[in-house]
Amino acid sequence: MMSIKKIGTDIKLYSEKLSHDGFKQVFDHIDQFKIKKGVDKMGLDKFINQCAIMAAGTGALSGSGGVLTMVVGMPVDVVNLITQQFRVTMAIMYYNRGGYQMGFEEFMKLVAISFKVETGVALTKTMMEGIAEKIILNLGVRTAERLIPVVGAVIGGTTNYLFIKRMAKSVKELQSVPVVIQVG
């Protein structure tokens, strides 16, 4: 029982760290113009598939060698999974709007909605922590499987690939219905 409480506390602390500056740093390092060019060149679905494959790569690497690669690879996997999810969301927004530049707050509102995290008028700390918790819990569910070399690689890669594909589907569905996102 104590270890379950500790895991819950660790997830909460990590999600707080991620939500404070982590999302903003990932967002700021994504070249929105490159996403526009990628969607224009490949089309939306191929771009999404490319992002899913890139997410699968770090998932496979972090599970390929058991405990050692999992411990070293999990932080890289988390950042890459968030990056690919952000890139997919930006690509879908660009595809549906025609404009590729967007602000962080507007973007995070859509991410929160796609994760089914309660959103209000303003971007809040609680909303950001809710997004971080959902991402971390998604990764944590398959942590034990990553301890087994080779099997862990298959599970990590497949799970990341499917996660990106499901998020893309969710964002596409949200974007097909007019969503009013207030920033302010």
N, C-alpha and C. Protein backbone atom coordinates (compact mmCIF):
# COMPACT_ATOMS: atom_id res chain seq x y z
N MET A 1 0.83 -1.20 0.00
CA MET A 1 0.00 0.00 0.00
C MET A 1 0.87 1.25 0.00
N MET A 2 1.96 1.21 0.74
CA MET A 2 2.85 2.37 0.82
C MET A 2 3.49 2.68 -0.53
N SER A 3 3.87 1.63 -1.27
CA SER A 3 4.51 1.88 -2.56
C SER A 3 3.53 2.50 -3.57
N ILE A 4 2.26 2.16 -3.49
CA ILE A 4 1.26 2.76 -4.37
C ILE A 4 1.11 4.25 -4.05
N LYS A 5 1.11 4.60 -2.76
CA LYS A 5 1.04 6.01 -2.38
C LYS A 5 2.28 6.76 -2.87
N LYS A 6 3.46 6.12 -2.75
CA LYS A 6 4.70 6.75 -3.20
C LYS A 6 4.66 6.98 -4.70
N ILE A 7 4.19 6.00 -5.45
CA ILE A 7 4.09 6.15 -6.90
C ILE A 7 3.15 7.30 -7.24
N GLY A 8 2.02 7.38 -6.55
CA GLY A 8 1.08 8.47 -6.78
C GLY A 8 1.70 9.83 -6.47
N THR A 9 2.47 9.90 -5.39
CA THR A 9 3.15 11.14 -5.02
C THR A 9 4.22 11.50 -6.06
N ASP A 10 4.99 10.50 -6.50
CA ASP A 10 6.02 10.73 -7.52
C ASP A 10 5.41 11.24 -8.82
N ILE A 11 4.30 10.64 -9.24
CA ILE A 11 3.62 11.08 -10.46
C ILE A 11 3.15 12.51 -10.31
N LYS A 12 2.59 12.84 -9.15
CA LYS A 12 2.12 14.21 -8.90
C LYS A 12 3.28 15.20 -8.96
N LEU A 13 4.41 14.87 -8.32
CA LEU A 13 5.56 15.78 -8.33
C LEU A 13 6.13 15.95 -9.73
N TYR A 14 6.27 14.86 -10.46
CA TYR A 14 6.81 14.92 -11.82
C TYR A 14 5.88 15.70 -12.73
N SER A 15 4.56 15.50 -12.57
CA SER A 15 3.61 16.23 -13.42
C SER A 15 3.63 17.72 -13.10
N GLU A 16 3.86 18.08 -11.83
CA GLU A 16 3.97 19.50 -11.48
C GLU A 16 5.19 20.12 -12.14
N LYS A 17 6.34 19.41 -12.10
CA LYS A 17 7.54 19.92 -12.75
C LYS A 17 7.32 20.09 -14.25
N LEU A 18 6.73 19.08 -14.85
CA LEU A 18 6.50 19.10 -16.29
C LEU A 18 5.54 20.23 -16.67
N SER A 19 4.51 20.41 -15.88
CA SER A 19 3.51 21.42 -16.23
C SER A 19 3.99 22.85 -16.03
N HIS A 20 4.93 23.08 -15.11
CA HIS A 20 5.39 24.44 -14.86
C HIS A 20 6.15 25.02 -16.04
N ASP A 21 7.21 24.39 -16.46
CA ASP A 21 8.01 24.94 -17.55
C ASP A 21 8.21 23.96 -18.70
N GLY A 22 8.03 22.68 -18.43
CA GLY A 22 8.32 21.66 -19.43
C GLY A 22 7.52 21.81 -20.71
N PHE A 23 6.21 21.99 -20.59
CA PHE A 23 5.37 22.12 -21.78
C PHE A 23 5.76 23.35 -22.59
N LYS A 24 6.01 24.44 -21.90
CA LYS A 24 6.38 25.69 -22.59
C LYS A 24 7.71 25.51 -23.33
N GLN A 25 8.67 24.84 -22.69
CA GLN A 25 9.97 24.61 -23.34
C GLN A 25 9.81 23.73 -24.58
N VAL A 26 9.02 22.68 -24.48
CA VAL A 26 8.79 21.82 -25.65
C VAL A 26 8.12 22.64 -26.75
N PHE A 27 7.09 23.39 -26.39
CA PHE A 27 6.37 24.21 -27.37
C PHE A 27 7.32 25.20 -28.06
N ASP A 28 8.15 25.87 -27.26
CA ASP A 28 9.06 26.88 -27.82
C ASP A 28 10.12 26.28 -28.75
N HIS A 29 10.46 25.00 -28.57
CA HIS A 29 11.49 24.38 -29.40
C HIS A 29 10.95 23.75 -30.68
N ILE A 30 9.64 23.79 -30.86
CA ILE A 30 9.04 23.23 -32.07
C ILE A 30 8.97 24.33 -33.12
N ASP A 31 9.50 24.04 -34.30
CA ASP A 31 9.47 24.99 -35.41
C ASP A 31 8.13 24.83 -36.14
N GLN A 32 7.22 25.77 -35.88
CA GLN A 32 5.88 25.69 -36.45
C GLN A 32 5.91 25.77 -37.99
N PHE A 33 6.87 26.49 -38.53
CA PHE A 33 6.97 26.59 -39.99
C PHE A 33 7.35 25.23 -40.59
N LYS A 34 8.22 24.48 -39.92
CA LYS A 34 8.58 23.14 -40.41
C LYS A 34 7.38 22.20 -40.40
N ILE A 35 6.52 22.36 -39.43
CA ILE A 35 5.30 21.55 -39.39
C ILE A 35 4.42 21.89 -40.58
N LYS A 36 4.27 23.17 -40.87
CA LYS A 36 3.51 23.61 -42.04
C LYS A 36 4.09 22.99 -43.31
N LYS A 37 5.42 23.09 -43.46
CA LYS A 37 6.07 22.54 -44.65
C LYS A 37 5.87 21.02 -44.74
N GLY A 38 5.97 20.34 -43.61
CA GLY A 38 5.79 18.89 -43.59
C GLY A 38 4.38 18.48 -44.00
N VAL A 39 3.38 19.18 -43.49
CA VAL A 39 1.99 18.88 -43.83
C VAL A 39 1.74 19.20 -45.30
N ASP A 40 2.28 20.34 -45.77
CA ASP A 40 2.11 20.71 -47.18
C ASP A 40 2.75 19.69 -48.12
N LYS A 41 3.91 19.17 -47.72
CA LYS A 41 4.65 18.24 -48.57
C LYS A 41 4.08 16.82 -48.52
N MET A 42 3.81 16.32 -47.32
CA MET A 42 3.40 14.92 -47.15
C MET A 42 1.90 14.72 -47.07
N GLY A 43 1.19 15.74 -46.66
CA GLY A 43 -0.22 15.57 -46.33
C GLY A 43 -0.35 15.30 -44.84
N LEU A 44 -1.51 15.54 -44.31
CA LEU A 44 -1.72 15.45 -42.86
C LEU A 44 -1.52 14.03 -42.34
N ASP A 45 -2.13 13.05 -42.97
CA ASP A 45 -2.06 11.69 -42.44
C ASP A 45 -0.65 11.11 -42.47
N LYS A 46 0.12 11.39 -43.51
CA LYS A 46 1.50 10.91 -43.55
C LYS A 46 2.35 11.63 -42.51
N PHE A 47 2.09 12.91 -42.29
CA PHE A 47 2.81 13.65 -41.26
C PHE A 47 2.53 13.04 -39.88
N ILE A 48 1.25 12.75 -39.61
CA ILE A 48 0.88 12.13 -38.34
C ILE A 48 1.58 10.78 -38.19
N ASN A 49 1.60 10.00 -39.25
CA ASN A 49 2.24 8.69 -39.20
C ASN A 49 3.74 8.83 -38.91
N GLN A 50 4.37 9.84 -39.54
CA GLN A 50 5.79 10.08 -39.30
C GLN A 50 6.03 10.40 -37.81
N CYS A 51 5.18 11.23 -37.23
CA CYS A 51 5.31 11.57 -35.80
C CYS A 51 5.10 10.32 -34.93
N ALA A 52 4.14 9.48 -35.30
CA ALA A 52 3.89 8.25 -34.54
C ALA A 52 5.10 7.32 -34.60
N ILE A 53 5.72 7.24 -35.76
CA ILE A 53 6.92 6.40 -35.90
C ILE A 53 8.07 6.96 -35.06
N MET A 54 8.21 8.28 -35.04
CA MET A 54 9.26 8.89 -34.22
C MET A 54 9.01 8.63 -32.73
N ALA A 55 7.76 8.66 -32.31
CA ALA A 55 7.42 8.35 -30.92
C ALA A 55 7.69 6.88 -30.63
N ALA A 56 7.38 6.02 -31.58
CA ALA A 56 7.62 4.58 -31.41
C ALA A 56 9.11 4.29 -31.24
N GLY A 57 9.94 5.06 -31.92
CA GLY A 57 11.39 4.85 -31.83
C GLY A 57 11.92 4.98 -30.42
N THR A 58 11.55 6.05 -29.71
CA THR A 58 12.06 6.20 -28.35
C THR A 58 11.38 5.22 -27.40
N GLY A 59 10.14 4.86 -27.70
CA GLY A 59 9.47 3.84 -26.89
C GLY A 59 10.19 2.51 -26.99
N ALA A 60 10.58 2.17 -28.21
CA ALA A 60 11.30 0.91 -28.43
C ALA A 60 12.69 0.95 -27.78
N LEU A 61 13.37 2.07 -27.94
CA LEU A 61 14.71 2.18 -27.35
C LEU A 61 14.68 2.09 -25.82
N SER A 62 13.72 2.75 -25.21
CA SER A 62 13.68 2.75 -23.75
C SER A 62 13.31 1.38 -23.19
N GLY A 63 12.74 0.51 -24.00
CA GLY A 63 12.39 -0.82 -23.52
C GLY A 63 13.27 -1.92 -24.06
N SER A 64 14.27 -1.57 -24.86
CA SER A 64 15.05 -2.60 -25.55
C SER A 64 16.02 -3.37 -24.69
N GLY A 65 16.56 -2.77 -23.65
CA GLY A 65 17.59 -3.44 -22.87
C GLY A 65 17.24 -3.69 -21.43
N GLY A 66 15.99 -3.64 -21.10
CA GLY A 66 15.60 -3.90 -19.72
C GLY A 66 15.75 -2.67 -18.83
N VAL A 67 16.15 -2.91 -17.59
CA VAL A 67 16.19 -1.86 -16.57
C VAL A 67 17.09 -0.69 -16.96
N LEU A 68 18.29 -0.99 -17.46
CA LEU A 68 19.25 0.08 -17.76
C LEU A 68 18.70 1.05 -18.81
N THR A 69 18.23 0.53 -19.93
CA THR A 69 17.73 1.44 -20.97
C THR A 69 16.42 2.10 -20.56
N MET A 70 15.63 1.43 -19.72
CA MET A 70 14.39 2.04 -19.26
C MET A 70 14.68 3.25 -18.38
N VAL A 71 15.59 3.11 -17.43
CA VAL A 71 15.92 4.21 -16.52
C VAL A 71 16.49 5.40 -17.28
N VAL A 72 17.38 5.13 -18.21
CA VAL A 72 18.00 6.20 -19.00
C VAL A 72 17.03 6.71 -20.07
N GLY A 73 16.27 5.80 -20.65
CA GLY A 73 15.43 6.16 -21.79
C GLY A 73 14.09 6.78 -21.47
N MET A 74 13.54 6.52 -20.28
CA MET A 74 12.20 7.03 -19.97
C MET A 74 12.09 8.55 -20.04
N PRO A 75 13.03 9.32 -19.47
CA PRO A 75 12.90 10.78 -19.60
C PRO A 75 12.94 11.24 -21.06
N VAL A 76 13.81 10.63 -21.85
CA VAL A 76 13.88 10.98 -23.28
C VAL A 76 12.57 10.60 -23.96
N ASP A 77 12.04 9.44 -23.60
CA ASP A 77 10.79 8.97 -24.18
C ASP A 77 9.64 9.92 -23.85
N VAL A 78 9.58 10.38 -22.59
CA VAL A 78 8.52 11.31 -22.18
C VAL A 78 8.59 12.60 -23.00
N VAL A 79 9.78 13.17 -23.11
CA VAL A 79 9.93 14.43 -23.86
C VAL A 79 9.59 14.22 -25.34
N ASN A 80 10.05 13.12 -25.92
CA ASN A 80 9.76 12.87 -27.33
C ASN A 80 8.26 12.62 -27.55
N LEU A 81 7.63 11.88 -26.66
CA LEU A 81 6.20 11.62 -26.80
C LEU A 81 5.41 12.93 -26.74
N ILE A 82 5.77 13.80 -25.81
CA ILE A 82 5.10 15.11 -25.71
C ILE A 82 5.37 15.92 -26.97
N THR A 83 6.61 15.92 -27.44
CA THR A 83 6.96 16.68 -28.65
C THR A 83 6.15 16.19 -29.84
N GLN A 84 6.08 14.89 -30.03
CA GLN A 84 5.34 14.36 -31.18
C GLN A 84 3.84 14.64 -31.06
N GLN A 85 3.32 14.55 -29.85
CA GLN A 85 1.91 14.86 -29.65
C GLN A 85 1.64 16.33 -29.95
N PHE A 86 2.53 17.21 -29.53
CA PHE A 86 2.39 18.63 -29.83
C PHE A 86 2.49 18.88 -31.34
N ARG A 87 3.44 18.23 -32.00
CA ARG A 87 3.61 18.41 -33.45
C ARG A 87 2.35 17.97 -34.20
N VAL A 88 1.77 16.84 -33.79
CA VAL A 88 0.55 16.34 -34.43
C VAL A 88 -0.59 17.33 -34.21
N THR A 89 -0.73 17.82 -32.99
CA THR A 89 -1.80 18.78 -32.70
C THR A 89 -1.63 20.05 -33.53
N MET A 90 -0.40 20.55 -33.62
CA MET A 90 -0.14 21.75 -34.44
C MET A 90 -0.43 21.47 -35.91
N ALA A 91 -0.08 20.31 -36.40
CA ALA A 91 -0.32 19.96 -37.80
C ALA A 91 -1.81 19.94 -38.11
N ILE A 92 -2.58 19.35 -37.22
CA ILE A 92 -4.03 19.30 -37.43
C ILE A 92 -4.63 20.69 -37.37
N MET A 93 -4.16 21.50 -36.42
CA MET A 93 -4.66 22.87 -36.33
C MET A 93 -4.33 23.64 -37.61
N TYR A 94 -3.10 23.49 -38.09
CA TYR A 94 -2.71 24.16 -39.34
C TYR A 94 -3.57 23.67 -40.50
N TYR A 95 -3.74 22.39 -40.62
CA TYR A 95 -4.49 21.78 -41.72
C TYR A 95 -5.93 22.32 -41.75
N ASN A 96 -6.54 22.46 -40.58
CA ASN A 96 -7.93 22.90 -40.52
C ASN A 96 -8.10 24.41 -40.62
N ARG A 97 -7.11 25.17 -40.21
CA ARG A 97 -7.21 26.63 -40.20
C ARG A 97 -6.56 27.30 -41.39
N GLY A 98 -5.46 26.71 -41.86
CA GLY A 98 -4.69 27.35 -42.91
C GLY A 98 -3.58 28.23 -42.36
N GLY A 99 -3.62 28.55 -41.10
CA GLY A 99 -2.57 29.34 -40.47
C GLY A 99 -1.75 28.45 -39.57
N TYR A 100 -0.46 28.65 -39.55
CA TYR A 100 0.39 27.75 -38.78
C TYR A 100 0.93 28.34 -37.49
N GLN A 101 0.82 29.63 -37.27
CA GLN A 101 1.35 30.21 -36.04
C GLN A 101 0.25 30.30 -34.99
N MET A 102 0.61 29.86 -33.80
CA MET A 102 -0.34 29.93 -32.70
C MET A 102 0.41 30.17 -31.41
N GLY A 103 -0.29 30.71 -30.46
CA GLY A 103 0.32 30.98 -29.17
C GLY A 103 0.23 29.78 -28.25
N PHE A 104 1.05 29.79 -27.23
CA PHE A 104 1.12 28.68 -26.28
C PHE A 104 -0.21 28.45 -25.57
N GLU A 105 -0.84 29.50 -25.07
CA GLU A 105 -2.09 29.33 -24.32
C GLU A 105 -3.19 28.73 -25.18
N GLU A 106 -3.34 29.24 -26.38
CA GLU A 106 -4.37 28.71 -27.29
C GLU A 106 -4.09 27.23 -27.57
N PHE A 107 -2.84 26.93 -27.84
CA PHE A 107 -2.45 25.57 -28.15
C PHE A 107 -2.72 24.63 -26.97
N MET A 108 -2.32 25.02 -25.76
CA MET A 108 -2.50 24.16 -24.59
C MET A 108 -3.97 23.94 -24.27
N LYS A 109 -4.81 24.88 -24.57
CA LYS A 109 -6.24 24.68 -24.37
C LYS A 109 -6.73 23.52 -25.22
N LEU A 110 -6.30 23.48 -26.48
CA LEU A 110 -6.71 22.39 -27.36
C LEU A 110 -6.12 21.06 -26.87
N VAL A 111 -4.88 21.07 -26.43
CA VAL A 111 -4.26 19.85 -25.89
C VAL A 111 -5.07 19.36 -24.69
N ALA A 112 -5.44 20.27 -23.81
CA ALA A 112 -6.22 19.90 -22.62
C ALA A 112 -7.56 19.29 -23.02
N ILE A 113 -8.22 19.91 -23.98
CA ILE A 113 -9.50 19.38 -24.43
C ILE A 113 -9.32 17.99 -25.03
N SER A 114 -8.25 17.79 -25.80
CA SER A 114 -8.02 16.49 -26.41
C SER A 114 -7.73 15.41 -25.38
N PHE A 115 -7.19 15.79 -24.21
CA PHE A 115 -6.95 14.85 -23.12
C PHE A 115 -8.17 14.76 -22.20
N LYS A 116 -9.22 15.49 -22.54
CA LYS A 116 -10.43 15.53 -21.73
C LYS A 116 -10.15 16.06 -20.32
N VAL A 117 -9.26 17.04 -20.25
CA VAL A 117 -8.97 17.73 -19.00
C VAL A 117 -9.87 18.95 -18.95
N GLU A 118 -10.48 19.19 -17.82
CA GLU A 118 -11.40 20.32 -17.67
C GLU A 118 -10.67 21.63 -17.95
N THR A 119 -11.24 22.44 -18.83
CA THR A 119 -10.64 23.73 -19.15
C THR A 119 -11.59 24.86 -18.78
N GLY A 120 -11.01 25.95 -18.41
CA GLY A 120 -11.79 27.15 -18.12
C GLY A 120 -11.42 28.21 -19.14
N VAL A 121 -11.69 29.44 -18.80
CA VAL A 121 -11.37 30.53 -19.70
C VAL A 121 -9.87 30.77 -19.76
N ALA A 122 -9.19 30.64 -18.65
CA ALA A 122 -7.76 30.92 -18.60
C ALA A 122 -6.96 29.63 -18.46
N LEU A 123 -5.74 29.67 -18.95
CA LEU A 123 -4.82 28.56 -18.81
C LEU A 123 -4.40 28.50 -17.34
N THR A 124 -4.67 27.37 -16.68
CA THR A 124 -4.40 27.29 -15.26
C THR A 124 -3.35 26.23 -14.94
N LYS A 125 -2.77 26.37 -13.77
CA LYS A 125 -1.79 25.40 -13.28
C LYS A 125 -2.44 24.02 -13.17
N THR A 126 -3.66 23.96 -12.67
CA THR A 126 -4.36 22.69 -12.51
C THR A 126 -4.59 22.01 -13.86
N MET A 127 -4.95 22.77 -14.86
CA MET A 127 -5.17 22.22 -16.19
C MET A 127 -3.86 21.63 -16.73
N MET A 128 -2.77 22.37 -16.59
CA MET A 128 -1.47 21.89 -17.07
C MET A 128 -1.04 20.64 -16.32
N GLU A 129 -1.27 20.60 -15.01
CA GLU A 129 -0.91 19.41 -14.23
C GLU A 129 -1.76 18.22 -14.64
N GLY A 130 -3.01 18.45 -14.99
CA GLY A 130 -3.89 17.37 -15.45
C GLY A 130 -3.38 16.74 -16.73
N ILE A 131 -2.90 17.57 -17.65
CA ILE A 131 -2.34 17.07 -18.91
C ILE A 131 -1.09 16.25 -18.62
N ALA A 132 -0.21 16.79 -17.79
CA ALA A 132 1.04 16.09 -17.45
C ALA A 132 0.75 14.75 -16.79
N GLU A 133 -0.20 14.71 -15.89
CA GLU A 133 -0.54 13.46 -15.21
C GLU A 133 -1.03 12.42 -16.20
N LYS A 134 -1.86 12.82 -17.15
CA LYS A 134 -2.37 11.85 -18.13
C LYS A 134 -1.25 11.29 -18.99
N ILE A 135 -0.31 12.13 -19.39
CA ILE A 135 0.82 11.65 -20.19
C ILE A 135 1.68 10.69 -19.37
N ILE A 136 1.99 11.06 -18.14
CA ILE A 136 2.85 10.23 -17.29
C ILE A 136 2.16 8.91 -16.95
N LEU A 137 0.87 8.95 -16.66
CA LEU A 137 0.16 7.71 -16.37
C LEU A 137 0.15 6.79 -17.57
N ASN A 138 0.00 7.37 -18.77
CA ASN A 138 0.05 6.55 -19.99
C ASN A 138 1.38 5.82 -20.10
N LEU A 139 2.47 6.50 -19.78
CA LEU A 139 3.79 5.87 -19.83
C LEU A 139 3.97 4.87 -18.68
N GLY A 140 3.47 5.20 -17.50
CA GLY A 140 3.66 4.35 -16.34
C GLY A 140 2.94 3.02 -16.42
N VAL A 141 1.84 2.98 -17.13
CA VAL A 141 1.07 1.75 -17.26
C VAL A 141 1.92 0.63 -17.84
N ARG A 142 2.82 0.98 -18.74
CA ARG A 142 3.61 -0.06 -19.40
C ARG A 142 5.06 -0.14 -18.92
N THR A 143 5.37 0.48 -17.80
CA THR A 143 6.74 0.47 -17.29
C THR A 143 7.22 -0.94 -16.96
N ALA A 144 6.39 -1.75 -16.31
CA ALA A 144 6.81 -3.10 -15.93
C ALA A 144 7.17 -3.94 -17.15
N GLU A 145 6.41 -3.79 -18.22
CA GLU A 145 6.69 -4.57 -19.43
C GLU A 145 8.04 -4.20 -20.04
N ARG A 146 8.50 -2.98 -19.82
CA ARG A 146 9.76 -2.54 -20.40
C ARG A 146 10.97 -3.16 -19.72
N LEU A 147 10.75 -3.80 -18.60
CA LEU A 147 11.86 -4.42 -17.89
C LEU A 147 12.36 -5.67 -18.60
N ILE A 148 11.57 -6.23 -19.48
CA ILE A 148 11.95 -7.44 -20.20
C ILE A 148 12.55 -7.02 -21.55
N PRO A 149 13.86 -7.26 -21.76
CA PRO A 149 14.48 -6.87 -23.03
C PRO A 149 13.74 -7.45 -24.22
N VAL A 150 13.76 -6.78 -25.32
CA VAL A 150 13.11 -7.10 -26.59
C VAL A 150 11.59 -6.98 -26.48
N VAL A 151 10.97 -7.71 -25.55
CA VAL A 151 9.53 -7.59 -25.36
C VAL A 151 9.19 -6.15 -24.97
N GLY A 152 10.00 -5.58 -24.10
CA GLY A 152 9.80 -4.20 -23.68
C GLY A 152 9.91 -3.22 -24.84
N ALA A 153 10.81 -3.51 -25.78
CA ALA A 153 10.97 -2.65 -26.96
C ALA A 153 9.71 -2.68 -27.81
N VAL A 154 9.18 -3.86 -28.02
CA VAL A 154 7.96 -4.01 -28.83
C VAL A 154 6.80 -3.31 -28.15
N ILE A 155 6.65 -3.52 -26.86
CA ILE A 155 5.55 -2.90 -26.11
C ILE A 155 5.70 -1.38 -26.08
N GLY A 156 6.91 -0.89 -25.77
CA GLY A 156 7.14 0.56 -25.72
C GLY A 156 6.90 1.23 -27.06
N GLY A 157 7.42 0.66 -28.12
CA GLY A 157 7.25 1.24 -29.45
C GLY A 157 5.80 1.21 -29.90
N THR A 158 5.14 0.08 -29.72
CA THR A 158 3.75 -0.06 -30.14
C THR A 158 2.84 0.88 -29.35
N THR A 159 3.05 0.95 -28.06
CA THR A 159 2.21 1.80 -27.22
C THR A 159 2.36 3.28 -27.61
N ASN A 160 3.59 3.73 -27.82
CA ASN A 160 3.81 5.12 -28.23
C ASN A 160 3.16 5.40 -29.58
N TYR A 161 3.33 4.48 -30.52
CA TYR A 161 2.75 4.65 -31.86
C TYR A 161 1.23 4.79 -31.76
N LEU A 162 0.60 3.88 -31.03
CA LEU A 162 -0.85 3.92 -30.89
C LEU A 162 -1.32 5.15 -30.12
N PHE A 163 -0.54 5.59 -29.13
CA PHE A 163 -0.89 6.79 -28.37
C PHE A 163 -0.98 8.00 -29.30
N ILE A 164 0.03 8.17 -30.15
CA ILE A 164 0.03 9.31 -31.08
C ILE A 164 -1.13 9.20 -32.06
N LYS A 165 -1.39 8.03 -32.57
CA LYS A 165 -2.50 7.84 -33.52
C LYS A 165 -3.85 8.15 -32.85
N ARG A 166 -4.03 7.69 -31.60
CA ARG A 166 -5.28 7.97 -30.89
C ARG A 166 -5.44 9.46 -30.60
N MET A 167 -4.33 10.11 -30.19
CA MET A 167 -4.41 11.55 -29.93
C MET A 167 -4.73 12.31 -31.21
N ALA A 168 -4.14 11.90 -32.33
CA ALA A 168 -4.43 12.55 -33.61
C ALA A 168 -5.91 12.41 -33.93
N LYS A 169 -6.45 11.24 -33.73
CA LYS A 169 -7.88 11.02 -34.01
C LYS A 169 -8.74 11.91 -33.13
N SER A 170 -8.38 12.00 -31.86
CA SER A 170 -9.12 12.83 -30.92
C SER A 170 -9.07 14.31 -31.32
N VAL A 171 -7.89 14.80 -31.68
CA VAL A 171 -7.75 16.21 -32.07
C VAL A 171 -8.49 16.47 -33.39
N LYS A 172 -8.41 15.53 -34.32
CA LYS A 172 -9.15 15.67 -35.60
C LYS A 172 -10.64 15.80 -35.33
N GLU A 173 -11.16 14.95 -34.44
CA GLU A 173 -12.58 15.01 -34.11
C GLU A 173 -12.94 16.35 -33.47
N LEU A 174 -12.07 16.83 -32.59
CA LEU A 174 -12.32 18.13 -31.96
C LEU A 174 -12.30 19.26 -32.97
N GLN A 175 -11.38 19.17 -33.91
CA GLN A 175 -11.23 20.23 -34.90
C GLN A 175 -12.31 20.19 -35.97
N SER A 176 -13.00 19.05 -36.13
CA SER A 176 -14.06 18.98 -37.13
C SER A 176 -15.32 19.69 -36.63
N VAL A 177 -15.43 19.82 -35.33
CA VAL A 177 -16.54 20.57 -34.73
C VAL A 177 -15.99 21.93 -34.36
N PRO A 178 -16.67 23.00 -34.75
CA PRO A 178 -16.14 24.32 -34.39
C PRO A 178 -15.97 24.45 -32.88
N VAL A 179 -14.75 24.70 -32.46
CA VAL A 179 -14.44 24.87 -31.04
C VAL A 179 -14.01 26.31 -30.84
N VAL A 180 -14.64 26.98 -29.90
CA VAL A 180 -14.26 28.35 -29.60
C VAL A 180 -13.29 28.28 -28.42
N ILE A 181 -12.08 28.73 -28.66
CA ILE A 181 -11.07 28.73 -27.61
C ILE A 181 -10.78 30.18 -27.26
N GLN A 182 -11.14 30.52 -26.02
CA GLN A 182 -10.88 31.88 -25.59
C GLN A 182 -9.54 31.94 -24.91
N VAL A 183 -8.78 32.91 -25.24
CA VAL A 183 -7.48 33.13 -24.60
C VAL A 183 -7.56 34.46 -23.89
N GLY A 184 -7.15 34.46 -22.66
CA GLY A 184 -7.19 35.74 -21.98
C GLY A 184 -7.14 35.59 -20.58
